[in-house]
Amino acid sequence: MPQFSPAEKEKLRQDLIDAGKSLFAAQGLKKTSLEQLAAATGIAKSTFYAFYDSKEAIYLDLLELKSSRMEERVWAAVEKQSSRANQKC
């Protein structure tokens, strides 16, 4: 397996995330293959396993990223509403 610098690893991980977003959105989890994820990133299928154990693992990573962003937006909206309510008092 090729050795990657920390910067290369981070770029490849982000490329996998981006490819996963696109492929999972277009085809869903079931129809997206490891081969497609690897090909979209320009890596060998075996190299994929240096980053994730399975396509389900990258899917869960994407869900966690999405949920943390959603949580941030919800709390920002709650804070905004609280500020407005406090200003009216």
PDB file of N, CA and C in Angstrom:
ATOM      1  N   MET A   1       0.845  -1.182   0.000  1.00  0.00           N
ATOM      2  CA  MET A   1       0.000   0.000   0.000  1.00  0.00           C
ATOM      3  C   MET A   1       0.888   1.243   0.000  1.00  0.00           C
ATOM      4  N   PRO A   2       0.557   2.234  -0.811  1.00  0.00           N
ATOM      5  CA  PRO A   2       1.391   3.433  -0.877  1.00  0.00           C
ATOM      6  C   PRO A   2       1.364   4.208   0.441  1.00  0.00           C
ATOM      7  N   GLN A   3       2.474   4.885   0.700  1.00  0.00           N
ATOM      8  CA  GLN A   3       2.559   5.740   1.879  1.00  0.00           C
ATOM      9  C   GLN A   3       2.167   7.161   1.474  1.00  0.00           C
ATOM     10  N   PHE A   4       1.328   7.778   2.280  1.00  0.00           N
ATOM     11  CA  PHE A   4       0.863   9.131   1.993  1.00  0.00           C
ATOM     12  C   PHE A   4       1.319  10.064   3.098  1.00  0.00           C
ATOM     13  N   SER A   5       1.635  11.278   2.725  1.00  0.00           N
ATOM     14  CA  SER A   5       1.951  12.302   3.715  1.00  0.00           C
ATOM     15  C   SER A   5       0.651  12.674   4.427  1.00  0.00           C
ATOM     16  N   PRO A   6       0.744  13.307   5.585  1.00  0.00           N
ATOM     17  CA  PRO A   6      -0.485  13.739   6.270  1.00  0.00           C
ATOM     18  C   PRO A   6      -1.376  14.631   5.390  1.00  0.00           C
ATOM     19  N   ALA A   7      -0.763  15.498   4.611  1.00  0.00           N
ATOM     20  CA  ALA A   7      -1.539  16.384   3.725  1.00  0.00           C
ATOM     21  C   ALA A   7      -2.235  15.576   2.633  1.00  0.00           C
ATOM     22  N   GLU A   8      -1.528  14.597   2.076  1.00  0.00           N
ATOM     23  CA  GLU A   8      -2.134  13.738   1.052  1.00  0.00           C
ATOM     24  C   GLU A   8      -3.285  12.917   1.638  1.00  0.00           C
ATOM     25  N   LYS A   9      -3.091  12.400   2.850  1.00  0.00           N
ATOM     26  CA  LYS A   9      -4.151  11.631   3.504  1.00  0.00           C
ATOM     27  C   LYS A   9      -5.395  12.484   3.710  1.00  0.00           C
ATOM     28  N   GLU A  10      -5.184  13.706   4.167  1.00  0.00           N
ATOM     29  CA  GLU A  10      -6.324  14.590   4.413  1.00  0.00           C
ATOM     30  C   GLU A  10      -7.049  14.916   3.112  1.00  0.00           C
ATOM     31  N   LYS A  11      -6.278  15.169   2.050  1.00  0.00           N
ATOM     32  CA  LYS A  11      -6.903  15.465   0.756  1.00  0.00           C
ATOM     33  C   LYS A  11      -7.677  14.257   0.239  1.00  0.00           C
ATOM     34  N   LEU A  12      -7.092  13.073   0.338  1.00  0.00           N
ATOM     35  CA  LEU A  12      -7.787  11.866  -0.118  1.00  0.00           C
ATOM     36  C   LEU A  12      -9.034  11.598   0.712  1.00  0.00           C
ATOM     37  N   ARG A  13      -8.946  11.806   2.014  1.00  0.00           N
ATOM     38  CA  ARG A  13     -10.131  11.618   2.863  1.00  0.00           C
ATOM     39  C   ARG A  13     -11.238  12.591   2.441  1.00  0.00           C
ATOM     40  N   GLN A  14     -10.865  13.847   2.184  1.00  0.00           N
ATOM     41  CA  GLN A  14     -11.871  14.828   1.750  1.00  0.00           C
ATOM     42  C   GLN A  14     -12.415  14.463   0.384  1.00  0.00           C
ATOM     43  N   ASP A  15     -11.568  13.973  -0.504  1.00  0.00           N
ATOM     44  CA  ASP A  15     -12.028  13.533  -1.823  1.00  0.00           C
ATOM     45  C   ASP A  15     -13.016  12.372  -1.692  1.00  0.00           C
ATOM     46  N   LEU A  16     -12.730  11.445  -0.779  1.00  0.00           N
ATOM     47  CA  LEU A  16     -13.656  10.324  -0.543  1.00  0.00           C
ATOM     48  C   LEU A  16     -14.988  10.834   0.000  1.00  0.00           C
ATOM     49  N   ILE A  17     -14.930  11.777   0.923  1.00  0.00           N
ATOM     50  CA  ILE A  17     -16.152  12.365   1.479  1.00  0.00           C
ATOM     51  C   ILE A  17     -16.968  13.024   0.366  1.00  0.00           C
ATOM     52  N   ASP A  18     -16.299  13.802  -0.473  1.00  0.00           N
ATOM     53  CA  ASP A  18     -16.987  14.482  -1.572  1.00  0.00           C
ATOM     54  C   ASP A  18     -17.595  13.479  -2.555  1.00  0.00           C
ATOM     55  N   ALA A  19     -16.826  12.447  -2.889  1.00  0.00           N
ATOM     56  CA  ALA A  19     -17.331  11.413  -3.802  1.00  0.00           C
ATOM     57  C   ALA A  19     -18.507  10.683  -3.164  1.00  0.00           C
ATOM     58  N   GLY A  20     -18.384  10.385  -1.881  1.00  0.00           N
ATOM     59  CA  GLY A  20     -19.472   9.708  -1.176  1.00  0.00           C
ATOM     60  C   GLY A  20     -20.745  10.530  -1.177  1.00  0.00           C
ATOM     61  N   LYS A  21     -20.625  11.818  -0.895  1.00  0.00           N
ATOM     62  CA  LYS A  21     -21.801  12.696  -0.912  1.00  0.00           C
ATOM     63  C   LYS A  21     -22.510  12.604  -2.255  1.00  0.00           C
ATOM     64  N   SER A  22     -21.725  12.738  -3.302  1.00  0.00           N
ATOM     65  CA  SER A  22     -22.282  12.741  -4.652  1.00  0.00           C
ATOM     66  C   SER A  22     -22.901  11.396  -5.022  1.00  0.00           C
ATOM     67  N   LEU A  23     -22.147  10.325  -4.816  1.00  0.00           N
ATOM     68  CA  LEU A  23     -22.631   8.997  -5.208  1.00  0.00           C
ATOM     69  C   LEU A  23     -23.810   8.531  -4.361  1.00  0.00           C
ATOM     70  N   PHE A  24     -23.742   8.731  -3.061  1.00  0.00           N
ATOM     71  CA  PHE A  24     -24.842   8.302  -2.199  1.00  0.00           C
ATOM     72  C   PHE A  24     -26.112   9.103  -2.483  1.00  0.00           C
ATOM     73  N   ALA A  25     -25.950  10.388  -2.775  1.00  0.00           N
ATOM     74  CA  ALA A  25     -27.115  11.210  -3.105  1.00  0.00           C
ATOM     75  C   ALA A  25     -27.754  10.758  -4.417  1.00  0.00           C
ATOM     76  N   ALA A  26     -26.930  10.399  -5.382  1.00  0.00           N
ATOM     77  CA  ALA A  26     -27.431  10.014  -6.703  1.00  0.00           C
ATOM     78  C   ALA A  26     -27.970   8.589  -6.739  1.00  0.00           C
ATOM     79  N   GLN A  27     -27.306   7.669  -6.031  1.00  0.00           N
ATOM     80  CA  GLN A  27     -27.627   6.252  -6.172  1.00  0.00           C
ATOM     81  C   GLN A  27     -28.089   5.567  -4.899  1.00  0.00           C
ATOM     82  N   GLY A  28     -27.834   6.198  -3.756  1.00  0.00           N
ATOM     83  CA  GLY A  28     -28.143   5.554  -2.490  1.00  0.00           C
ATOM     84  C   GLY A  28     -27.009   4.652  -2.034  1.00  0.00           C
ATOM     85  N   LEU A  29     -27.107   4.209  -0.815  1.00  0.00           N
ATOM     86  CA  LEU A  29     -26.064   3.373  -0.223  1.00  0.00           C
ATOM     87  C   LEU A  29     -25.947   2.022  -0.916  1.00  0.00           C
ATOM     88  N   LYS A  30     -27.069   1.392  -1.153  1.00  0.00           N
ATOM     89  CA  LYS A  30     -27.063   0.032  -1.696  1.00  0.00           C
ATOM     90  C   LYS A  30     -26.432  -0.053  -3.082  1.00  0.00           C
ATOM     91  N   LYS A  31     -26.721   0.917  -3.944  1.00  0.00           N
ATOM     92  CA  LYS A  31     -26.233   0.858  -5.326  1.00  0.00           C
ATOM     93  C   LYS A  31     -24.838   1.455  -5.509  1.00  0.00           C
ATOM     94  N   THR A  32     -24.315   2.121  -4.498  1.00  0.00           N
ATOM     95  CA  THR A  32     -22.972   2.680  -4.588  1.00  0.00           C
ATOM     96  C   THR A  32     -21.975   1.604  -4.181  1.00  0.00           C
ATOM     97  N   SER A  33     -20.956   1.417  -5.010  1.00  0.00           N
ATOM     98  CA  SER A  33     -19.963   0.380  -4.730  1.00  0.00           C
ATOM     99  C   SER A  33     -18.637   0.991  -4.267  1.00  0.00           C
ATOM    100  N   LEU A  34     -17.838   0.158  -3.633  1.00  0.00           N
ATOM    101  CA  LEU A  34     -16.489   0.586  -3.254  1.00  0.00           C
ATOM    102  C   LEU A  34     -15.685   0.962  -4.482  1.00  0.00           C
ATOM    103  N   GLU A  35     -15.891   0.214  -5.550  1.00  0.00           N
ATOM    104  CA  GLU A  35     -15.179   0.497  -6.791  1.00  0.00           C
ATOM    105  C   GLU A  35     -15.495   1.901  -7.287  1.00  0.00           C
ATOM    106  N   GLN A  36     -16.750   2.296  -7.201  1.00  0.00           N
ATOM    107  CA  GLN A  36     -17.153   3.638  -7.643  1.00  0.00           C
ATOM    108  C   GLN A  36     -16.536   4.708  -6.742  1.00  0.00           C
ATOM    109  N   LEU A  37     -16.549   4.486  -5.438  1.00  0.00           N
ATOM    110  CA  LEU A  37     -15.960   5.445  -4.505  1.00  0.00           C
ATOM    111  C   LEU A  37     -14.462   5.601  -4.762  1.00  0.00           C
ATOM    112  N   ALA A  38     -13.784   4.481  -4.948  1.00  0.00           N
ATOM    113  CA  ALA A  38     -12.343   4.525  -5.202  1.00  0.00           C
ATOM    114  C   ALA A  38     -12.049   5.186  -6.550  1.00  0.00           C
ATOM    115  N   ALA A  39     -12.771   4.808  -7.577  1.00  0.00           N
ATOM    116  CA  ALA A  39     -12.542   5.371  -8.911  1.00  0.00           C
ATOM    117  C   ALA A  39     -12.788   6.882  -8.931  1.00  0.00           C
ATOM    118  N   ALA A  40     -13.819   7.332  -8.245  1.00  0.00           N
ATOM    119  CA  ALA A  40     -14.136   8.761  -8.213  1.00  0.00           C
ATOM    120  C   ALA A  40     -13.036   9.558  -7.517  1.00  0.00           C
ATOM    121  N   THR A  41     -12.281   8.881  -6.672  1.00  0.00           N
ATOM    122  CA  THR A  41     -11.207   9.534  -5.926  1.00  0.00           C
ATOM    123  C   THR A  41      -9.851   9.326  -6.585  1.00  0.00           C
ATOM    124  N   GLY A  42      -9.786   8.397  -7.526  1.00  0.00           N
ATOM    125  CA  GLY A  42      -8.532   8.123  -8.208  1.00  0.00           C
ATOM    126  C   GLY A  42      -7.593   7.231  -7.417  1.00  0.00           C
ATOM    127  N   ILE A  43      -8.161   6.403  -6.542  1.00  0.00           N
ATOM    128  CA  ILE A  43      -7.343   5.482  -5.756  1.00  0.00           C
ATOM    129  C   ILE A  43      -7.757   4.045  -6.058  1.00  0.00           C
ATOM    130  N   ALA A  44      -6.916   3.112  -5.676  1.00  0.00           N
ATOM    131  CA  ALA A  44      -7.246   1.697  -5.818  1.00  0.00           C
ATOM    132  C   ALA A  44      -8.228   1.298  -4.720  1.00  0.00           C
ATOM    133  N   LYS A  45      -9.017   0.282  -4.994  1.00  0.00           N
ATOM    134  CA  LYS A  45      -9.984  -0.209  -4.011  1.00  0.00           C
ATOM    135  C   LYS A  45      -9.277  -0.584  -2.706  1.00  0.00           C
ATOM    136  N   SER A  46      -8.101  -1.197  -2.821  1.00  0.00           N
ATOM    137  CA  SER A  46      -7.359  -1.584  -1.617  1.00  0.00           C
ATOM    138  C   SER A  46      -6.939  -0.363  -0.794  1.00  0.00           C
ATOM    139  N   THR A  47      -6.670   0.757  -1.456  1.00  0.00           N
ATOM    140  CA  THR A  47      -6.292   1.980  -0.749  1.00  0.00           C
ATOM    141  C   THR A  47      -7.478   2.559   0.014  1.00  0.00           C
ATOM    142  N   PHE A  48      -8.681   2.339  -0.490  1.00  0.00           N
ATOM    143  CA  PHE A  48      -9.883   2.793   0.207  1.00  0.00           C
ATOM    144  C   PHE A  48      -9.861   2.315   1.656  1.00  0.00           C
ATOM    145  N   TYR A  49      -9.411   1.060   1.863  1.00  0.00           N
ATOM    146  CA  TYR A  49      -9.421   0.459   3.202  1.00  0.00           C
ATOM    147  C   TYR A  49      -8.419   1.105   4.150  1.00  0.00           C
ATOM    148  N   ALA A  50      -7.517   1.920   3.651  1.00  0.00           N
ATOM    149  CA  ALA A  50      -6.627   2.684   4.523  1.00  0.00           C
ATOM    150  C   ALA A  50      -7.381   3.827   5.197  1.00  0.00           C
ATOM    151  N   PHE A  51      -8.553   4.155   4.653  1.00  0.00           N
ATOM    152  CA  PHE A  51      -9.346   5.261   5.167  1.00  0.00           C
ATOM    153  C   PHE A  51     -10.635   4.804   5.855  1.00  0.00           C
ATOM    154  N   TYR A  52     -11.272   3.794   5.296  1.00  0.00           N
ATOM    155  CA  TYR A  52     -12.552   3.300   5.826  1.00  0.00           C
ATOM    156  C   TYR A  52     -12.584   1.780   5.747  1.00  0.00           C
ATOM    157  N   ASP A  53     -13.312   1.176   6.690  1.00  0.00           N
ATOM    158  CA  ASP A  53     -13.460  -0.284   6.711  1.00  0.00           C
ATOM    159  C   ASP A  53     -14.475  -0.781   5.694  1.00  0.00           C
ATOM    160  N   SER A  54     -15.420   0.098   5.313  1.00  0.00           N
ATOM    161  CA  SER A  54     -16.493  -0.313   4.412  1.00  0.00           C
ATOM    162  C   SER A  54     -17.183   0.925   3.864  1.00  0.00           C
ATOM    163  N   LYS A  55     -18.055   0.716   2.884  1.00  0.00           N
ATOM    164  CA  LYS A  55     -18.815   1.861   2.364  1.00  0.00           C
ATOM    165  C   LYS A  55     -19.805   2.341   3.414  1.00  0.00           C
ATOM    166  N   GLU A  56     -20.256   1.435   4.283  1.00  0.00           N
ATOM    167  CA  GLU A  56     -21.157   1.834   5.365  1.00  0.00           C
ATOM    168  C   GLU A  56     -20.447   2.774   6.348  1.00  0.00           C
ATOM    169  N   ALA A  57     -19.154   2.543   6.566  1.00  0.00           N
ATOM    170  CA  ALA A  57     -18.389   3.398   7.475  1.00  0.00           C
ATOM    171  C   ALA A  57     -18.283   4.828   6.935  1.00  0.00           C
ATOM    172  N   ILE A  58     -18.039   4.977   5.650  1.00  0.00           N
ATOM    173  CA  ILE A  58     -17.972   6.330   5.078  1.00  0.00           C
ATOM    174  C   ILE A  58     -19.369   6.964   5.091  1.00  0.00           C
ATOM    175  N   TYR A  59     -20.391   6.166   4.876  1.00  0.00           N
ATOM    176  CA  TYR A  59     -21.772   6.660   4.919  1.00  0.00           C
ATOM    177  C   TYR A  59     -22.100   7.188   6.319  1.00  0.00           C
ATOM    178  N   LEU A  60     -21.706   6.436   7.351  1.00  0.00           N
ATOM    179  CA  LEU A  60     -21.936   6.883   8.729  1.00  0.00           C
ATOM    180  C   LEU A  60     -21.148   8.152   9.028  1.00  0.00           C
ATOM    181  N   ASP A  61     -19.932   8.244   8.514  1.00  0.00           N
ATOM    182  CA  ASP A  61     -19.131   9.449   8.682  1.00  0.00           C
ATOM    183  C   ASP A  61     -19.850  10.655   8.069  1.00  0.00           C
ATOM    184  N   LEU A  62     -20.408  10.459   6.888  1.00  0.00           N
ATOM    185  CA  LEU A  62     -21.164  11.534   6.236  1.00  0.00           C
ATOM    186  C   LEU A  62     -22.393  11.925   7.048  1.00  0.00           C
ATOM    187  N   LEU A  63     -23.088  10.945   7.590  1.00  0.00           N
ATOM    188  CA  LEU A  63     -24.259  11.237   8.416  1.00  0.00           C
ATOM    189  C   LEU A  63     -23.874  12.031   9.664  1.00  0.00           C
ATOM    190  N   GLU A  64     -22.752  11.664  10.276  1.00  0.00           N
ATOM    191  CA  GLU A  64     -22.288  12.398  11.452  1.00  0.00           C
ATOM    192  C   GLU A  64     -21.926  13.830  11.108  1.00  0.00           C
ATOM    193  N   LEU A  65     -21.251  14.024   9.982  1.00  0.00           N
ATOM    194  CA  LEU A  65     -20.916  15.378   9.549  1.00  0.00           C
ATOM    195  C   LEU A  65     -22.175  16.200   9.322  1.00  0.00           C
ATOM    196  N   LYS A  66     -23.141  15.591   8.652  1.00  0.00           N
ATOM    197  CA  LYS A  66     -24.404  16.277   8.358  1.00  0.00           C
ATOM    198  C   LYS A  66     -25.150  16.612   9.651  1.00  0.00           C
ATOM    199  N   SER A  67     -25.193  15.662  10.571  1.00  0.00           N
ATOM    200  CA  SER A  67     -25.954  15.890  11.805  1.00  0.00           C
ATOM    201  C   SER A  67     -25.306  16.962  12.670  1.00  0.00           C
ATOM    202  N   SER A  68     -23.970  17.027  12.704  1.00  0.00           N
ATOM    203  CA  SER A  68     -23.323  18.067  13.503  1.00  0.00           C
ATOM    204  C   SER A  68     -23.592  19.442  12.912  1.00  0.00           C
ATOM    205  N   ARG A  69     -23.602  19.543  11.586  1.00  0.00           N
ATOM    206  CA  ARG A  69     -23.929  20.825  10.948  1.00  0.00           C
ATOM    207  C   ARG A  69     -25.381  21.206  11.207  1.00  0.00           C
ATOM    208  N   MET A  70     -26.253  20.214  11.167  1.00  0.00           N
ATOM    209  CA  MET A  70     -27.665  20.480  11.423  1.00  0.00           C
ATOM    210  C   MET A  70     -27.848  20.944  12.870  1.00  0.00           C
ATOM    211  N   GLU A  71     -27.166  20.301  13.787  1.00  0.00           N
ATOM    212  CA  GLU A  71     -27.257  20.689  15.191  1.00  0.00           C
ATOM    213  C   GLU A  71     -26.790  22.127  15.387  1.00  0.00           C
ATOM    214  N   GLU A  72     -25.707  22.509  14.725  1.00  0.00           N
ATOM    215  CA  GLU A  72     -25.219  23.884  14.806  1.00  0.00           C
ATOM    216  C   GLU A  72     -26.267  24.869  14.312  1.00  0.00           C
ATOM    217  N   ARG A  73     -26.921  24.530  13.199  1.00  0.00           N
ATOM    218  CA  ARG A  73     -27.957  25.422  12.650  1.00  0.00           C
ATOM    219  C   ARG A  73     -29.150  25.523  13.580  1.00  0.00           C
ATOM    220  N   VAL A  74     -29.540  24.414  14.182  1.00  0.00           N
ATOM    221  CA  VAL A  74     -30.680  24.423  15.102  1.00  0.00           C
ATOM    222  C   VAL A  74     -30.363  25.298  16.310  1.00  0.00           C
ATOM    223  N   TRP A  75     -29.173  25.092  16.897  1.00  0.00           N
ATOM    224  CA  TRP A  75     -28.836  25.879  18.081  1.00  0.00           C
ATOM    225  C   TRP A  75     -28.675  27.362  17.738  1.00  0.00           C
ATOM    226  N   ALA A  76     -28.193  27.680  16.570  1.00  0.00           N
ATOM    227  CA  ALA A  76     -28.104  29.079  16.151  1.00  0.00           C
ATOM    228  C   ALA A  76     -29.500  29.683  16.038  1.00  0.00           C
ATOM    229  N   ALA A  77     -30.448  28.923  15.493  1.00  0.00           N
ATOM    230  CA  ALA A  77     -31.832  29.404  15.375  1.00  0.00           C
ATOM    231  C   ALA A  77     -32.458  29.572  16.754  1.00  0.00           C
ATOM    232  N   VAL A  78     -32.190  28.635  17.651  1.00  0.00           N
ATOM    233  CA  VAL A  78     -32.723  28.734  19.022  1.00  0.00           C
ATOM    234  C   VAL A  78     -32.162  29.967  19.706  1.00  0.00           C
ATOM    235  N   GLU A  79     -30.872  30.186  19.559  1.00  0.00           N
ATOM    236  CA  GLU A  79     -30.232  31.355  20.158  1.00  0.00           C
ATOM    237  C   GLU A  79     -30.813  32.648  19.597  1.00  0.00           C
ATOM    238  N   LYS A  80     -31.044  32.665  18.290  1.00  0.00           N
ATOM    239  CA  LYS A  80     -31.624  33.851  17.647  1.00  0.00           C
ATOM    240  C   LYS A  80     -33.030  34.115  18.191  1.00  0.00           C
ATOM    241  N   GLN A  81     -33.828  33.067  18.302  1.00  0.00           N
ATOM    242  CA  GLN A  81     -35.191  33.209  18.838  1.00  0.00           C
ATOM    243  C   GLN A  81     -35.154  33.667  20.293  1.00  0.00           C
ATOM    244  N   SER A  82     -34.233  33.126  21.074  1.00  0.00           N
ATOM    245  CA  SER A  82     -34.110  33.536  22.480  1.00  0.00           C
ATOM    246  C   SER A  82     -33.739  34.991  22.589  1.00  0.00           C
ATOM    247  N   SER A  83     -32.839  35.444  21.730  1.00  0.00           N
ATOM    248  CA  SER A  83     -32.429  36.846  21.722  1.00  0.00           C
ATOM    249  C   SER A  83     -33.604  37.750  21.390  1.00  0.00           C
ATOM    250  N   ARG A  84     -34.403  37.348  20.397  1.00  0.00           N
ATOM    251  CA  ARG A  84     -35.580  38.135  20.018  1.00  0.00           C
ATOM    252  C   ARG A  84     -36.593  38.188  21.150  1.00  0.00           C
ATOM    253  N   ALA A  85     -36.803  37.059  21.803  1.00  0.00           N
ATOM    254  CA  ALA A  85     -37.762  36.997  22.921  1.00  0.00           C
ATOM    255  C   ALA A  85     -37.302  37.885  24.074  1.00  0.00           C
ATOM    256  N   ASN A  86     -36.002  37.882  24.362  1.00  0.00           N
ATOM    257  CA  ASN A  86     -35.467  38.705  25.424  1.00  0.00           C
ATOM    258  C   ASN A  86     -35.543  40.187  25.096  1.00  0.00           C
ATOM    259  N   GLN A  87     -35.446  40.545  23.829  1.00  0.00           N
ATOM    260  CA  GLN A  87     -35.520  41.941  23.432  1.00  0.00           C
ATOM    261  C   GLN A  87     -36.944  42.474  23.569  1.00  0.00           C
ATOM    262  N   LYS A  88     -37.948  41.621  23.421  1.00  0.00           N
ATOM    263  CA  LYS A  88     -39.335  42.034  23.501  1.00  0.00           C
ATOM    264  C   LYS A  88     -39.762  42.276  24.946  1.00  0.00           C
ATOM    265  N   CYS A  89     -39.063  41.671  25.888  1.00  0.00           N
ATOM    266  CA  CYS A  89     -39.438  41.815  27.322  1.00  0.00           C
ATOM    267  C   CYS A  89     -39.047  43.124  27.886  1.00  0.00           C
TER     268      CYS A  89
END
